[in-house]
Amino acid sequence: MHEMEEFDEVLQTLLESLSPEQRLAGLAPEKRLAGLASDQVVLTLPNDVLRALSNSYIASLPEPTRTIIRNRIER
């Protein structure tokens, strides 16, 4: 059991030393976004795509997400 705890500590240290890009390298886009709520996924879209979203869709999102989008696209 002690060896497993040491392994977990070493693994955690290794993961913390990697950049986000290094941690995600080799993963398919859908795997990179796994576990995110849909309102979080929409925030990963580039600003040009966010500008194409309808006002009614943006209005359907939670307030914190709407605020972030509106700030990014100045709408």
N, C-alpha and C. Protein backbone atom coordinates (compact mmCIF):
# COMPACT_ATOMS: atom_id res chain seq x y z
N MET A 1 0.82 -1.20 0.00
CA MET A 1 0.00 0.00 0.00
C MET A 1 0.87 1.26 0.00
N HIS A 2 1.93 1.22 0.76
CA HIS A 2 2.84 2.37 0.84
C HIS A 2 3.44 2.68 -0.53
N GLU A 3 3.77 1.65 -1.30
CA GLU A 3 4.35 1.85 -2.63
C GLU A 3 3.35 2.56 -3.55
N MET A 4 2.09 2.22 -3.42
CA MET A 4 1.06 2.86 -4.24
C MET A 4 0.92 4.33 -3.89
N GLU A 5 1.00 4.67 -2.62
CA GLU A 5 0.93 6.07 -2.19
C GLU A 5 2.11 6.84 -2.74
N GLU A 6 3.30 6.24 -2.72
CA GLU A 6 4.49 6.90 -3.28
C GLU A 6 4.32 7.12 -4.78
N PHE A 7 3.77 6.13 -5.48
CA PHE A 7 3.54 6.25 -6.91
C PHE A 7 2.58 7.41 -7.18
N ASP A 8 1.51 7.50 -6.42
CA ASP A 8 0.54 8.59 -6.59
C ASP A 8 1.20 9.95 -6.39
N GLU A 9 2.09 10.05 -5.40
CA GLU A 9 2.79 11.31 -5.15
C GLU A 9 3.72 11.67 -6.30
N VAL A 10 4.45 10.68 -6.81
CA VAL A 10 5.35 10.91 -7.94
C VAL A 10 4.54 11.32 -9.17
N LEU A 11 3.44 10.63 -9.42
CA LEU A 11 2.60 10.96 -10.56
C LEU A 11 2.04 12.37 -10.43
N GLN A 12 1.57 12.74 -9.26
CA GLN A 12 1.04 14.09 -9.04
C GLN A 12 2.12 15.14 -9.27
N THR A 13 3.31 14.90 -8.80
CA THR A 13 4.42 15.83 -9.00
C THR A 13 4.73 15.97 -10.49
N LEU A 14 4.74 14.85 -11.20
CA LEU A 14 4.99 14.89 -12.64
C LEU A 14 3.92 15.69 -13.36
N LEU A 15 2.66 15.42 -13.06
CA LEU A 15 1.56 16.13 -13.71
C LEU A 15 1.63 17.64 -13.45
N GLU A 16 1.97 18.02 -12.24
CA GLU A 16 2.07 19.44 -11.91
C GLU A 16 3.21 20.13 -12.65
N SER A 17 4.22 19.36 -13.06
CA SER A 17 5.36 19.95 -13.76
C SER A 17 5.09 20.16 -15.25
N LEU A 18 4.03 19.57 -15.78
CA LEU A 18 3.72 19.67 -17.20
C LEU A 18 2.84 20.88 -17.48
N SER A 19 3.03 21.47 -18.65
CA SER A 19 2.15 22.56 -19.08
C SER A 19 0.81 21.95 -19.50
N PRO A 20 -0.24 22.76 -19.55
CA PRO A 20 -1.52 22.23 -20.02
C PRO A 20 -1.41 21.60 -21.41
N GLU A 21 -0.64 22.22 -22.28
CA GLU A 21 -0.46 21.69 -23.63
C GLU A 21 0.17 20.30 -23.60
N GLN A 22 1.16 20.11 -22.73
CA GLN A 22 1.81 18.81 -22.62
C GLN A 22 0.85 17.77 -22.05
N ARG A 23 0.03 18.16 -21.10
CA ARG A 23 -0.91 17.22 -20.48
C ARG A 23 -1.97 16.77 -21.48
N LEU A 24 -2.34 17.64 -22.40
CA LEU A 24 -3.41 17.33 -23.35
C LEU A 24 -2.91 16.77 -24.68
N ALA A 25 -1.62 16.79 -24.89
CA ALA A 25 -1.05 16.32 -26.16
C ALA A 25 -1.50 14.90 -26.46
N GLY A 26 -1.93 14.70 -27.71
CA GLY A 26 -2.32 13.37 -28.15
C GLY A 26 -3.78 13.02 -27.89
N LEU A 27 -4.49 13.86 -27.16
CA LEU A 27 -5.91 13.59 -26.89
C LEU A 27 -6.78 14.18 -28.00
N ALA A 28 -7.81 13.45 -28.37
CA ALA A 28 -8.78 13.95 -29.34
C ALA A 28 -9.54 15.12 -28.72
N PRO A 29 -10.03 16.05 -29.53
CA PRO A 29 -10.74 17.22 -28.98
C PRO A 29 -11.86 16.84 -28.01
N GLU A 30 -12.63 15.83 -28.34
CA GLU A 30 -13.73 15.45 -27.45
C GLU A 30 -13.23 14.93 -26.10
N LYS A 31 -12.06 14.35 -26.08
CA LYS A 31 -11.47 13.89 -24.82
C LYS A 31 -10.95 15.09 -24.00
N ARG A 32 -10.45 16.11 -24.70
CA ARG A 32 -9.95 17.31 -24.01
C ARG A 32 -11.07 18.01 -23.25
N LEU A 33 -12.28 17.92 -23.78
CA LEU A 33 -13.42 18.63 -23.19
C LEU A 33 -14.28 17.74 -22.31
N ALA A 34 -13.92 16.47 -22.19
CA ALA A 34 -14.72 15.53 -21.40
C ALA A 34 -14.88 16.04 -19.97
N GLY A 35 -16.10 15.97 -19.48
CA GLY A 35 -16.37 16.37 -18.11
C GLY A 35 -16.80 17.81 -17.95
N LEU A 36 -16.71 18.59 -19.03
CA LEU A 36 -17.14 19.99 -18.94
C LEU A 36 -18.63 20.09 -19.23
N ALA A 37 -19.30 20.98 -18.53
CA ALA A 37 -20.70 21.26 -18.81
C ALA A 37 -20.79 22.01 -20.13
N SER A 38 -21.94 21.96 -20.79
CA SER A 38 -22.09 22.59 -22.11
C SER A 38 -21.81 24.08 -22.06
N ASP A 39 -22.16 24.75 -20.96
CA ASP A 39 -21.88 26.19 -20.88
C ASP A 39 -20.38 26.45 -20.72
N GLN A 40 -19.63 25.48 -20.24
CA GLN A 40 -18.18 25.63 -20.16
C GLN A 40 -17.55 25.34 -21.52
N VAL A 41 -18.12 24.38 -22.24
CA VAL A 41 -17.60 24.03 -23.56
C VAL A 41 -17.73 25.21 -24.51
N VAL A 42 -18.85 25.93 -24.44
CA VAL A 42 -19.05 27.07 -25.34
C VAL A 42 -17.98 28.13 -25.13
N LEU A 43 -17.44 28.22 -23.93
CA LEU A 43 -16.38 29.20 -23.66
C LEU A 43 -15.05 28.83 -24.32
N THR A 44 -14.93 27.61 -24.80
CA THR A 44 -13.70 27.20 -25.50
C THR A 44 -13.71 27.62 -26.96
N LEU A 45 -14.86 28.10 -27.43
CA LEU A 45 -14.98 28.50 -28.83
C LEU A 45 -14.23 29.81 -29.09
N PRO A 46 -13.68 29.98 -30.30
CA PRO A 46 -13.02 31.24 -30.63
C PRO A 46 -14.04 32.38 -30.69
N ASN A 47 -13.57 33.59 -30.52
CA ASN A 47 -14.45 34.76 -30.52
C ASN A 47 -15.28 34.88 -31.79
N ASP A 48 -14.71 34.56 -32.94
CA ASP A 48 -15.46 34.63 -34.20
C ASP A 48 -16.68 33.72 -34.16
N VAL A 49 -16.54 32.56 -33.59
CA VAL A 49 -17.67 31.63 -33.49
C VAL A 49 -18.67 32.13 -32.46
N LEU A 50 -18.17 32.66 -31.35
CA LEU A 50 -19.08 33.21 -30.34
C LEU A 50 -19.93 34.34 -30.93
N ARG A 51 -19.35 35.16 -31.81
CA ARG A 51 -20.09 36.26 -32.43
C ARG A 51 -21.23 35.74 -33.30
N ALA A 52 -21.10 34.52 -33.82
CA ALA A 52 -22.13 33.94 -34.68
C ALA A 52 -23.30 33.35 -33.89
N LEU A 53 -23.14 33.21 -32.58
CA LEU A 53 -24.23 32.67 -31.77
C LEU A 53 -25.37 33.68 -31.70
N SER A 54 -26.58 33.16 -31.72
CA SER A 54 -27.74 34.05 -31.65
C SER A 54 -27.88 34.64 -30.25
N ASN A 55 -28.50 35.79 -30.18
CA ASN A 55 -28.76 36.41 -28.88
C ASN A 55 -29.64 35.51 -28.02
N SER A 56 -30.58 34.80 -28.64
CA SER A 56 -31.46 33.93 -27.86
C SER A 56 -30.69 32.76 -27.26
N TYR A 57 -29.70 32.24 -27.99
CA TYR A 57 -28.89 31.15 -27.43
C TYR A 57 -28.05 31.67 -26.26
N ILE A 58 -27.42 32.81 -26.46
CA ILE A 58 -26.60 33.39 -25.40
C ILE A 58 -27.47 33.66 -24.16
N ALA A 59 -28.67 34.14 -24.38
CA ALA A 59 -29.58 34.43 -23.27
C ALA A 59 -29.98 33.17 -22.51
N SER A 60 -29.88 32.01 -23.15
CA SER A 60 -30.26 30.76 -22.49
C SER A 60 -29.15 30.21 -21.58
N LEU A 61 -27.97 30.78 -21.66
CA LEU A 61 -26.83 30.32 -20.87
C LEU A 61 -26.86 30.91 -19.47
N PRO A 62 -26.19 30.28 -18.52
CA PRO A 62 -26.11 30.85 -17.17
C PRO A 62 -25.46 32.23 -17.19
N GLU A 63 -25.85 33.08 -16.26
CA GLU A 63 -25.37 34.46 -16.21
C GLU A 63 -23.85 34.59 -16.26
N PRO A 64 -23.10 33.82 -15.47
CA PRO A 64 -21.63 33.98 -15.55
C PRO A 64 -21.09 33.71 -16.95
N THR A 65 -21.65 32.74 -17.64
CA THR A 65 -21.22 32.41 -18.99
C THR A 65 -21.60 33.52 -19.95
N ARG A 66 -22.81 34.06 -19.83
CA ARG A 66 -23.25 35.17 -20.68
C ARG A 66 -22.32 36.37 -20.52
N THR A 67 -21.97 36.68 -19.29
CA THR A 67 -21.10 37.83 -19.02
C THR A 67 -19.74 37.65 -19.68
N ILE A 68 -19.17 36.47 -19.55
CA ILE A 68 -17.86 36.20 -20.17
C ILE A 68 -17.96 36.34 -21.68
N ILE A 69 -19.00 35.75 -22.27
CA ILE A 69 -19.16 35.83 -23.73
C ILE A 69 -19.34 37.27 -24.17
N ARG A 70 -20.21 37.99 -23.50
CA ARG A 70 -20.47 39.39 -23.90
C ARG A 70 -19.20 40.24 -23.77
N ASN A 71 -18.41 39.99 -22.75
CA ASN A 71 -17.14 40.72 -22.61
C ASN A 71 -16.18 40.38 -23.73
N ARG A 72 -16.15 39.12 -24.10
CA ARG A 72 -15.21 38.70 -25.16
C ARG A 72 -15.62 39.23 -26.53
N ILE A 73 -16.94 39.29 -26.81
CA ILE A 73 -17.37 39.69 -28.13
C ILE A 73 -17.91 41.12 -28.15
N GLU A 74 -17.87 41.78 -27.00
CA GLU A 74 -18.31 43.16 -26.88
C GLU A 74 -19.73 43.37 -27.40
N ARG A 75 -20.61 42.47 -26.97
CA ARG A 75 -22.02 42.59 -27.36
C ARG A 75 -22.85 42.94 -26.16
